[in-house]
Amino acid sequence: MATNQGMCRNCGSLIMFDERDEQCECVFCHCVFPSAEAVEIFNNPEGRTFPNEKFEAPTGGVKHNTTRVFSTESLEKQIAREDVRRANEPESKKNEYEVQASDVKAPTKLVFSLIAATVVIVAVVLLISFPMYKTRTALRSQIEGSIGSVFDGIITIDTTTDEEGEFYNGFSVYGQTCQYFNAVTEDEISEEDARTIYDNYCALRAEKIADGSASTSDGVQMKLYCSGGYYTVTGANGNVNAVFTADAE
């Protein structure tokens, strides 16, 4: 049985068929059409367009194609056909209603306005935060310089600093108004001692806040770590509350 080579008029694929068969079928899109037309398209693919319509595979059991390997010459023609098909493919058209990122351009005036607003906001934040930082740092330094009066005659606290001189080994003072205070000692502390240390710290803090805005104890929180556990001491409305938490055994 001799075979002919043709080209599908629907999708442009290579077709192998019996030369005695008047009809040929594309194995890819199942288009059935005259064999002579397939040969003509194969021999002259230039200028052809392929609609790429959809066809249902025949169910009658009649085959109008073969799967014999084609020659080098047919391969070259197939490549030429592929080039023609690509040249005839319509370019994808941009959706004229779709907004692209490149279409959105902020006016120059708006850009500069946003930059200026950002600079102003940053400047305001710095103007507010820097004085607060200086005030807090100055207050903490004054309290740290007089901290010995808080523990005098009650317990012993290590008032040396680390190698950089930034942190004290036996206590820490922090918070915007230095309302938080922690201390560590190896001594034993009674509940009365804890209350006295708390009162002493509140009095020192109130003394060092120059504008007199600090109340005696409201908002001040202290933790005293000692032998056997630690005290949590707080105060509000003139009342001091000291709670001891024992170390877990």
Foldseek 3Di string as FASTA:
>chain_A
DDWDWFADLAPGHIFIFDPVDQWAADPPQGDIDGPVVRHVCLVPVAPGEHNNDHDDHDDPPDHGTDDDDDDPVSVVSSVVNVVRHVVPDDDDDDDPPDDDPVNDDDDPVVVVVVVVVVVVVVVVVCVVVVVLVVLQVVLQVQCLVVVCQLCPPNFDFQQAAPPVRPGGPAKDFDDSLSLEIEGEGAADHDPVRVVSSLQRSLVSSQVSPVVNPRDSFASHWYWYHYPFFIWTWGDDPHDIDIDTDGDDD
